[in-house]
């Protein structure tokens, strides 16, 4: 998996198995390979996120090198995950499930439960009765003892 950039380092692309899987500009000319990383299963779930994080890490590492004057080429600078593997889910790639074609629908969304229980004293909302009781006992213990 390779990170490519244009001549000005203003546009970026990820190329995997000789295929461009994501790019920042449709008509960009990506002429320089600037970094390389092993593929980890899961990168393909959100190529846009992978690209944005990789670019940030790459640019931050190079900026830090300029500040410190370090010229050693430590390839451990960028690793999205500790467990590196060379496997990829080919069916996802063949289906064309890239960030450009899937848009925002690619991101899994977690459903937050609605907070329907209100504190009897300050109207803060809670999802669980235990949370509400703990809150009331901690923050409103004087009011609770006055009621009893």
N, C-alpha and C. Protein backbone atom coordinates (compact mmCIF):
# COMPACT_ATOMS: atom_id res chain seq x y z
N UNK A 1 0.86 -1.16 0.00
CA UNK A 1 0.00 0.00 0.00
C UNK A 1 0.91 1.22 0.00
N UNK A 2 0.65 2.16 -0.91
CA UNK A 2 1.55 3.29 -1.09
C UNK A 2 0.78 4.61 -1.03
N UNK A 3 1.45 5.60 -0.46
CA UNK A 3 0.92 6.96 -0.43
C UNK A 3 1.64 7.76 -1.50
N UNK A 4 0.88 8.30 -2.43
CA UNK A 4 1.44 9.08 -3.54
C UNK A 4 1.00 10.53 -3.39
N UNK A 5 1.79 11.44 -3.95
CA UNK A 5 1.47 12.87 -3.89
C UNK A 5 1.80 13.53 -5.22
N UNK A 6 1.25 14.73 -5.40
CA UNK A 6 1.63 15.50 -6.58
C UNK A 6 2.94 16.23 -6.28
N UNK A 7 3.43 16.99 -7.23
CA UNK A 7 4.73 17.66 -7.08
C UNK A 7 4.75 18.66 -5.92
N UNK A 8 3.60 19.25 -5.58
CA UNK A 8 3.55 20.29 -4.55
C UNK A 8 3.15 19.74 -3.18
N UNK A 9 2.95 18.44 -3.06
CA UNK A 9 2.49 17.81 -1.81
C UNK A 9 1.18 18.42 -1.32
N UNK A 10 0.29 18.72 -2.26
CA UNK A 10 -1.00 19.27 -1.88
C UNK A 10 -2.16 18.32 -2.20
N UNK A 11 -1.93 17.34 -3.04
CA UNK A 11 -2.94 16.33 -3.37
C UNK A 11 -2.33 14.96 -3.13
N UNK A 12 -3.16 14.01 -2.63
CA UNK A 12 -2.64 12.71 -2.24
C UNK A 12 -3.54 11.59 -2.74
N UNK A 13 -2.96 10.40 -2.83
CA UNK A 13 -3.71 9.22 -3.25
C UNK A 13 -3.11 7.99 -2.58
N UNK A 14 -3.96 6.97 -2.38
CA UNK A 14 -3.49 5.67 -1.91
C UNK A 14 -3.59 4.71 -3.08
N UNK A 15 -2.49 4.03 -3.35
CA UNK A 15 -2.46 3.03 -4.42
C UNK A 15 -2.16 1.69 -3.77
N UNK A 16 -3.02 0.70 -4.08
CA UNK A 16 -2.85 -0.64 -3.54
C UNK A 16 -2.99 -1.63 -4.68
N UNK A 17 -2.04 -2.55 -4.79
CA UNK A 17 -2.04 -3.53 -5.88
C UNK A 17 -2.18 -2.85 -7.24
N UNK A 18 -1.42 -1.79 -7.44
CA UNK A 18 -1.38 -1.04 -8.70
C UNK A 18 -2.70 -0.39 -9.06
N UNK A 19 -3.59 -0.22 -8.09
CA UNK A 19 -4.88 0.44 -8.33
C UNK A 19 -5.03 1.62 -7.39
N UNK A 20 -5.50 2.74 -7.92
CA UNK A 20 -5.79 3.89 -7.07
C UNK A 20 -7.11 3.62 -6.37
N UNK A 21 -7.08 3.56 -5.04
CA UNK A 21 -8.30 3.25 -4.29
C UNK A 21 -8.95 4.50 -3.72
N UNK A 22 -8.18 5.56 -3.54
CA UNK A 22 -8.73 6.84 -3.04
C UNK A 22 -7.78 7.95 -3.46
N UNK A 23 -8.33 9.11 -3.73
CA UNK A 23 -7.50 10.27 -4.06
C UNK A 23 -8.23 11.53 -3.61
N UNK A 24 -7.45 12.58 -3.38
CA UNK A 24 -8.06 13.82 -2.90
C UNK A 24 -8.61 14.67 -4.03
N UNK A 25 -8.12 14.44 -5.24
CA UNK A 25 -8.60 15.20 -6.39
C UNK A 25 -8.71 14.27 -7.58
N UNK A 26 -9.86 14.26 -8.20
CA UNK A 26 -10.13 13.35 -9.32
C UNK A 26 -9.13 13.51 -10.45
N UNK A 27 -8.78 14.74 -10.79
CA UNK A 27 -7.91 14.98 -11.94
C UNK A 27 -6.45 15.21 -11.54
N UNK A 28 -6.08 14.91 -10.31
CA UNK A 28 -4.71 15.15 -9.85
C UNK A 28 -3.70 14.25 -10.52
N UNK A 29 -2.45 14.73 -10.60
CA UNK A 29 -1.36 13.93 -11.15
C UNK A 29 -0.45 13.53 -10.00
N UNK A 30 -0.52 12.28 -9.62
CA UNK A 30 0.23 11.78 -8.48
C UNK A 30 1.52 11.16 -9.01
N UNK A 31 2.62 11.90 -8.87
CA UNK A 31 3.86 11.53 -9.52
C UNK A 31 4.93 11.03 -8.56
N UNK A 32 4.76 11.25 -7.26
CA UNK A 32 5.79 10.84 -6.30
C UNK A 32 5.21 9.90 -5.25
N UNK A 33 5.84 8.71 -5.11
CA UNK A 33 5.47 7.84 -4.00
C UNK A 33 6.23 8.36 -2.78
N UNK A 34 5.49 8.78 -1.74
CA UNK A 34 6.15 9.40 -0.59
C UNK A 34 6.21 8.50 0.64
N UNK A 35 5.39 7.45 0.68
CA UNK A 35 5.44 6.54 1.82
C UNK A 35 4.83 5.21 1.42
N UNK A 36 5.16 4.19 2.22
CA UNK A 36 4.67 2.84 1.95
C UNK A 36 4.33 2.18 3.29
N UNK A 37 3.28 1.38 3.31
CA UNK A 37 2.89 0.67 4.52
C UNK A 37 2.29 -0.67 4.12
N UNK A 38 2.38 -1.64 5.01
CA UNK A 38 1.72 -2.91 4.76
C UNK A 38 0.22 -2.73 4.92
N UNK A 39 -0.54 -3.53 4.22
CA UNK A 39 -2.00 -3.45 4.29
C UNK A 39 -2.50 -4.23 5.49
N UNK A 40 -3.46 -3.68 6.19
CA UNK A 40 -4.12 -4.35 7.31
C UNK A 40 -5.60 -4.46 6.96
N UNK A 41 -6.16 -5.63 7.15
CA UNK A 41 -7.57 -5.82 6.86
C UNK A 41 -8.38 -4.82 7.67
N UNK A 42 -9.26 -4.14 7.01
CA UNK A 42 -10.07 -3.12 7.65
C UNK A 42 -9.82 -1.74 7.06
N UNK A 43 -8.65 -1.54 6.44
CA UNK A 43 -8.38 -0.24 5.82
C UNK A 43 -9.44 0.08 4.77
N UNK A 44 -9.90 -0.95 4.06
CA UNK A 44 -10.81 -0.72 2.94
C UNK A 44 -12.21 -0.30 3.39
N UNK A 45 -12.49 -0.39 4.68
CA UNK A 45 -13.82 0.00 5.16
C UNK A 45 -14.04 1.49 5.04
N UNK A 46 -12.99 2.28 5.15
CA UNK A 46 -13.13 3.72 5.01
C UNK A 46 -11.80 4.29 4.48
N UNK A 47 -11.61 4.20 3.19
CA UNK A 47 -10.38 4.66 2.58
C UNK A 47 -10.17 6.15 2.83
N UNK A 48 -11.23 6.92 2.88
CA UNK A 48 -11.11 8.36 3.12
C UNK A 48 -10.45 8.65 4.47
N UNK A 49 -10.87 7.92 5.49
CA UNK A 49 -10.28 8.09 6.81
C UNK A 49 -8.81 7.65 6.80
N UNK A 50 -8.54 6.51 6.17
CA UNK A 50 -7.17 6.01 6.09
C UNK A 50 -6.28 7.04 5.41
N UNK A 51 -6.74 7.59 4.30
CA UNK A 51 -5.95 8.59 3.58
C UNK A 51 -5.72 9.83 4.44
N UNK A 52 -6.76 10.33 5.07
CA UNK A 52 -6.60 11.56 5.86
C UNK A 52 -5.63 11.35 7.01
N UNK A 53 -5.72 10.21 7.70
CA UNK A 53 -4.81 9.95 8.82
C UNK A 53 -3.38 9.76 8.34
N UNK A 54 -3.22 9.06 7.24
CA UNK A 54 -1.88 8.81 6.72
C UNK A 54 -1.21 10.13 6.32
N UNK A 55 -1.95 11.01 5.64
CA UNK A 55 -1.38 12.29 5.22
C UNK A 55 -0.98 13.11 6.45
N UNK A 56 -1.84 13.15 7.46
CA UNK A 56 -1.54 13.92 8.67
C UNK A 56 -0.27 13.37 9.33
N UNK A 57 -0.18 12.05 9.49
CA UNK A 57 1.01 11.45 10.11
C UNK A 57 2.26 11.70 9.28
N UNK A 58 2.13 11.55 7.98
CA UNK A 58 3.29 11.75 7.11
C UNK A 58 3.80 13.19 7.20
N UNK A 59 2.90 14.14 7.05
CA UNK A 59 3.31 15.55 7.09
C UNK A 59 3.82 15.94 8.47
N UNK A 60 3.18 15.46 9.53
CA UNK A 60 3.63 15.79 10.89
C UNK A 60 5.02 15.21 11.15
N UNK A 61 5.26 13.97 10.71
CA UNK A 61 6.57 13.36 10.91
C UNK A 61 7.66 14.12 10.16
N UNK A 62 7.37 14.53 8.94
CA UNK A 62 8.37 15.27 8.16
C UNK A 62 8.61 16.66 8.73
N UNK A 63 7.57 17.29 9.26
CA UNK A 63 7.73 18.59 9.88
C UNK A 63 8.57 18.46 11.15
N UNK A 64 8.33 17.40 11.93
CA UNK A 64 9.11 17.17 13.15
C UNK A 64 10.58 16.92 12.80
N UNK A 65 10.83 16.22 11.70
CA UNK A 65 12.22 15.99 11.26
C UNK A 65 12.90 17.30 10.91
N UNK A 66 12.16 18.21 10.26
CA UNK A 66 12.74 19.51 9.92
C UNK A 66 13.10 20.29 11.18
N UNK A 67 12.22 20.24 12.19
CA UNK A 67 12.48 20.97 13.42
C UNK A 67 13.65 20.40 14.20
N UNK A 68 13.76 19.07 14.23
CA UNK A 68 14.82 18.43 15.02
C UNK A 68 16.10 18.23 14.22
N UNK A 69 16.03 18.38 12.92
CA UNK A 69 17.20 18.17 12.08
C UNK A 69 17.54 16.71 11.89
N UNK A 70 16.59 15.83 12.18
CA UNK A 70 16.82 14.39 12.06
C UNK A 70 16.67 13.97 10.61
N UNK A 71 17.65 13.25 10.10
CA UNK A 71 17.60 12.78 8.72
C UNK A 71 17.52 11.27 8.61
N UNK A 72 17.43 10.56 9.76
CA UNK A 72 17.39 9.09 9.65
C UNK A 72 16.03 8.66 9.12
N UNK A 73 16.03 7.63 8.32
CA UNK A 73 14.81 7.15 7.67
C UNK A 73 14.23 5.99 8.46
N UNK A 74 13.55 6.29 9.54
CA UNK A 74 12.92 5.25 10.36
C UNK A 74 11.57 4.90 9.76
N UNK A 75 11.42 3.72 9.23
CA UNK A 75 10.19 3.32 8.55
C UNK A 75 9.07 2.98 9.53
N UNK A 76 9.32 3.07 10.83
CA UNK A 76 8.26 2.79 11.79
C UNK A 76 7.44 4.03 12.09
N UNK A 77 7.64 5.10 11.33
CA UNK A 77 6.94 6.35 11.58
C UNK A 77 5.43 6.19 11.50
N UNK A 78 4.97 5.49 10.48
CA UNK A 78 3.52 5.40 10.27
C UNK A 78 3.07 3.96 10.29
N UNK A 79 2.23 3.65 11.25
CA UNK A 79 1.58 2.35 11.29
C UNK A 79 0.17 2.59 11.79
N UNK A 80 -0.80 2.25 10.98
CA UNK A 80 -2.18 2.44 11.40
C UNK A 80 -2.56 1.46 12.50
N UNK A 81 -1.98 0.28 12.50
CA UNK A 81 -2.28 -0.73 13.51
C UNK A 81 -1.02 -1.53 13.77
N UNK A 82 -0.98 -2.19 14.93
CA UNK A 82 0.18 -3.00 15.28
C UNK A 82 0.25 -4.29 14.47
N UNK A 83 -0.89 -4.96 14.28
CA UNK A 83 -0.90 -6.23 13.56
C UNK A 83 -0.93 -5.95 12.06
N UNK A 84 0.22 -6.08 11.42
CA UNK A 84 0.28 -5.83 9.99
C UNK A 84 0.15 -7.14 9.23
N UNK A 85 -0.60 -7.10 8.17
CA UNK A 85 -0.79 -8.28 7.33
C UNK A 85 -0.88 -7.85 5.88
N UNK A 86 -0.63 -8.74 4.98
CA UNK A 86 -0.70 -8.42 3.56
C UNK A 86 -2.00 -8.87 2.91
N UNK A 87 -2.97 -9.29 3.71
CA UNK A 87 -4.21 -9.80 3.14
C UNK A 87 -5.19 -8.67 2.87
N UNK A 88 -6.04 -8.86 1.87
CA UNK A 88 -7.11 -7.92 1.55
C UNK A 88 -8.33 -8.71 1.13
N UNK A 89 -9.48 -8.18 1.40
CA UNK A 89 -10.71 -8.82 0.98
C UNK A 89 -10.95 -8.44 -0.47
N UNK A 90 -10.62 -9.37 -1.40
CA UNK A 90 -10.69 -9.08 -2.82
C UNK A 90 -12.11 -8.75 -3.28
N UNK A 91 -13.10 -9.38 -2.69
CA UNK A 91 -14.47 -9.13 -3.13
C UNK A 91 -14.86 -7.67 -2.91
N UNK A 92 -14.38 -7.06 -1.83
CA UNK A 92 -14.67 -5.66 -1.59
C UNK A 92 -14.01 -4.78 -2.64
N UNK A 93 -12.76 -5.11 -2.98
CA UNK A 93 -12.07 -4.31 -3.98
C UNK A 93 -12.73 -4.45 -5.35
N UNK A 94 -13.10 -5.68 -5.68
CA UNK A 94 -13.71 -5.92 -6.99
C UNK A 94 -15.09 -5.28 -7.08
N UNK A 95 -15.76 -5.14 -5.95
CA UNK A 95 -17.08 -4.52 -5.95
C UNK A 95 -16.98 -3.00 -6.08
N UNK A 96 -15.75 -2.47 -6.03
CA UNK A 96 -15.58 -1.03 -6.18
C UNK A 96 -16.01 -0.26 -4.96
N UNK A 97 -15.81 -0.84 -3.80
CA UNK A 97 -16.25 -0.18 -2.58
C UNK A 97 -15.19 0.79 -2.07
N UNK A 98 -14.92 1.81 -2.86
CA UNK A 98 -13.96 2.81 -2.44
C UNK A 98 -14.70 3.99 -1.83
N UNK A 99 -13.95 4.85 -1.19
CA UNK A 99 -14.53 6.02 -0.54
C UNK A 99 -15.24 6.91 -1.54
N UNK A 100 -14.73 6.99 -2.76
CA UNK A 100 -15.33 7.87 -3.75
C UNK A 100 -16.70 7.38 -4.20
N UNK A 101 -16.89 6.07 -4.27
CA UNK A 101 -18.16 5.57 -4.77
C UNK A 101 -19.19 5.38 -3.66
N UNK A 102 -18.72 5.21 -2.41
CA UNK A 102 -19.66 4.94 -1.33
C UNK A 102 -20.02 6.18 -0.53
N UNK A 103 -19.18 7.19 -0.55
CA UNK A 103 -19.47 8.41 0.19
C UNK A 103 -19.57 8.16 1.69
N UNK A 104 -20.42 8.92 2.34
CA UNK A 104 -20.56 8.85 3.79
C UNK A 104 -21.24 7.57 4.26
N UNK A 105 -21.86 6.83 3.37
CA UNK A 105 -22.55 5.60 3.77
C UNK A 105 -21.59 4.52 4.22
N UNK A 106 -20.30 4.68 3.96
CA UNK A 106 -19.32 3.66 4.29
C UNK A 106 -19.04 3.58 5.78
N UNK A 107 -19.26 4.66 6.50
CA UNK A 107 -18.95 4.69 7.92
C UNK A 107 -20.01 3.98 8.75
N UNK A 108 -19.62 3.03 9.56
CA UNK A 108 -20.61 2.41 10.45
C UNK A 108 -21.04 3.42 11.50
N UNK A 109 -22.30 3.43 11.77
CA UNK A 109 -22.83 4.39 12.74
C UNK A 109 -23.36 3.63 13.96
N UNK A 110 -23.03 4.14 15.10
CA UNK A 110 -23.53 3.52 16.32
C UNK A 110 -24.79 4.26 16.76
N UNK A 111 -25.75 3.51 17.23
CA UNK A 111 -27.01 4.09 17.67
C UNK A 111 -26.91 4.36 19.17
N UNK A 112 -27.09 5.61 19.55
CA UNK A 112 -27.06 5.99 20.95
C UNK A 112 -28.47 5.85 21.52
N UNK A 113 -28.60 5.20 22.68
CA UNK A 113 -29.94 5.11 23.28
C UNK A 113 -30.39 6.49 23.73
N UNK A 114 -31.69 6.75 23.66
CA UNK A 114 -32.22 8.03 24.07
C UNK A 114 -32.25 8.11 25.58
N UNK A 115 -31.81 9.24 26.09
CA UNK A 115 -31.86 9.48 27.53
C UNK A 115 -33.26 9.96 27.86
N UNK A 116 -34.03 9.13 28.54
CA UNK A 116 -35.42 9.46 28.84
C UNK A 116 -35.69 9.67 30.33
N UNK A 117 -34.75 9.29 31.18
CA UNK A 117 -34.93 9.45 32.62
C UNK A 117 -34.33 10.76 33.09
N UNK A 118 -35.14 11.61 33.73
CA UNK A 118 -34.65 12.90 34.18
C UNK A 118 -34.36 12.86 35.68
N UNK A 119 -33.30 13.58 36.06
CA UNK A 119 -33.03 13.78 37.48
C UNK A 119 -34.23 14.53 38.07
N UNK A 120 -34.63 14.14 39.27
CA UNK A 120 -35.78 14.77 39.91
C UNK A 120 -35.50 16.19 40.38
N UNK A 121 -34.24 16.60 40.38
CA UNK A 121 -33.88 17.90 40.93
C UNK A 121 -33.33 18.88 39.89
N UNK A 122 -32.52 18.40 38.96
CA UNK A 122 -31.90 19.34 38.01
C UNK A 122 -32.26 19.04 36.55
N UNK A 123 -33.04 18.02 36.31
CA UNK A 123 -33.53 17.66 34.98
C UNK A 123 -32.46 17.18 34.01
N UNK A 124 -31.28 16.77 34.50
CA UNK A 124 -30.34 16.09 33.62
C UNK A 124 -30.95 14.77 33.19
N UNK A 125 -30.62 14.32 32.00
CA UNK A 125 -31.23 13.10 31.47
C UNK A 125 -30.26 11.93 31.52
N UNK A 126 -30.81 10.75 31.77
CA UNK A 126 -30.02 9.52 31.87
C UNK A 126 -30.73 8.39 31.14
N UNK A 127 -29.93 7.42 30.70
CA UNK A 127 -30.47 6.25 30.02
C UNK A 127 -30.82 5.15 31.01
N UNK A 128 -30.07 5.06 32.08
CA UNK A 128 -30.26 3.98 33.05
C UNK A 128 -30.70 4.54 34.40
N UNK A 129 -31.58 3.82 35.04
CA UNK A 129 -32.07 4.22 36.36
C UNK A 129 -30.91 4.29 37.37
N UNK A 130 -29.96 3.35 37.26
CA UNK A 130 -28.82 3.34 38.17
C UNK A 130 -27.99 4.61 38.05
N UNK A 131 -27.82 5.10 36.81
CA UNK A 131 -27.08 6.34 36.61
C UNK A 131 -27.79 7.51 37.26
N UNK A 132 -29.09 7.56 37.09
CA UNK A 132 -29.86 8.65 37.68
C UNK A 132 -29.78 8.61 39.21
N UNK A 133 -29.91 7.43 39.79
CA UNK A 133 -29.85 7.28 41.25
C UNK A 133 -28.48 7.70 41.76
N UNK A 134 -27.42 7.24 41.10
CA UNK A 134 -26.06 7.63 41.50
C UNK A 134 -25.88 9.14 41.44
N UNK A 135 -26.35 9.74 40.37
CA UNK A 135 -26.25 11.20 40.22
C UNK A 135 -26.99 11.91 41.35
N UNK A 136 -28.22 11.50 41.59
CA UNK A 136 -29.01 12.16 42.62
C UNK A 136 -28.39 12.00 44.01
N UNK A 137 -27.87 10.82 44.30
CA UNK A 137 -27.26 10.59 45.61
C UNK A 137 -25.99 11.42 45.78
N UNK A 138 -25.22 11.58 44.72
CA UNK A 138 -23.97 12.33 44.82
C UNK A 138 -24.21 13.84 44.85
N UNK A 139 -25.00 14.33 43.88
CA UNK A 139 -25.15 15.78 43.73
C UNK A 139 -26.31 16.38 44.52
N UNK A 140 -27.28 15.60 44.87
CA UNK A 140 -28.48 16.14 45.52
C UNK A 140 -28.78 15.43 46.84
N UNK A 141 -27.76 14.95 47.53
CA UNK A 141 -27.97 14.19 48.77
C UNK A 141 -28.67 15.02 49.84
N UNK A 142 -28.39 16.32 49.90
CA UNK A 142 -29.04 17.18 50.89
C UNK A 142 -30.53 17.29 50.62
N UNK A 143 -30.88 17.39 49.37
CA UNK A 143 -32.30 17.50 49.01
C UNK A 143 -33.03 16.18 49.28
N UNK A 144 -32.34 15.07 49.03
CA UNK A 144 -32.95 13.76 49.28
C UNK A 144 -33.18 13.57 50.77
N UNK A 145 -32.20 13.92 51.61
CA UNK A 145 -32.36 13.75 53.05
C UNK A 145 -33.41 14.71 53.61
N UNK A 146 -33.61 15.86 52.97
CA UNK A 146 -34.64 16.81 53.42
C UNK A 146 -36.04 16.27 53.14
N UNK A 147 -36.16 15.48 52.08
CA UNK A 147 -37.47 14.91 51.71
C UNK A 147 -37.85 13.81 52.68
N UNK A 148 -36.87 13.04 53.11
CA UNK A 148 -37.14 11.89 53.99
C UNK A 148 -37.43 12.36 55.34
